[in-house]
């Protein structure tokens, strides 16, 4: 999904500066837009190859790591 970054921001797998126009994973783009860090750019909205489409983002925290027994 193509977005324009409004405020500089970074995550585990990305780092964007204000003013950048980037093609981000759909889940990441939606999160950044929702948080006010980016806005959607017009045109065809595509998900980059290998992008997750389940809406859960690209976070491995749900893998059970850190669970106490």
Foldseek 3Di string as FASTA:
>chain_A
DWKAFQDWDDDPPDTDHHGDIDQAAPLVVVVCVVVVGIDDDDDDRDGDPPHDDPSPGDDCPPVCPPDDD
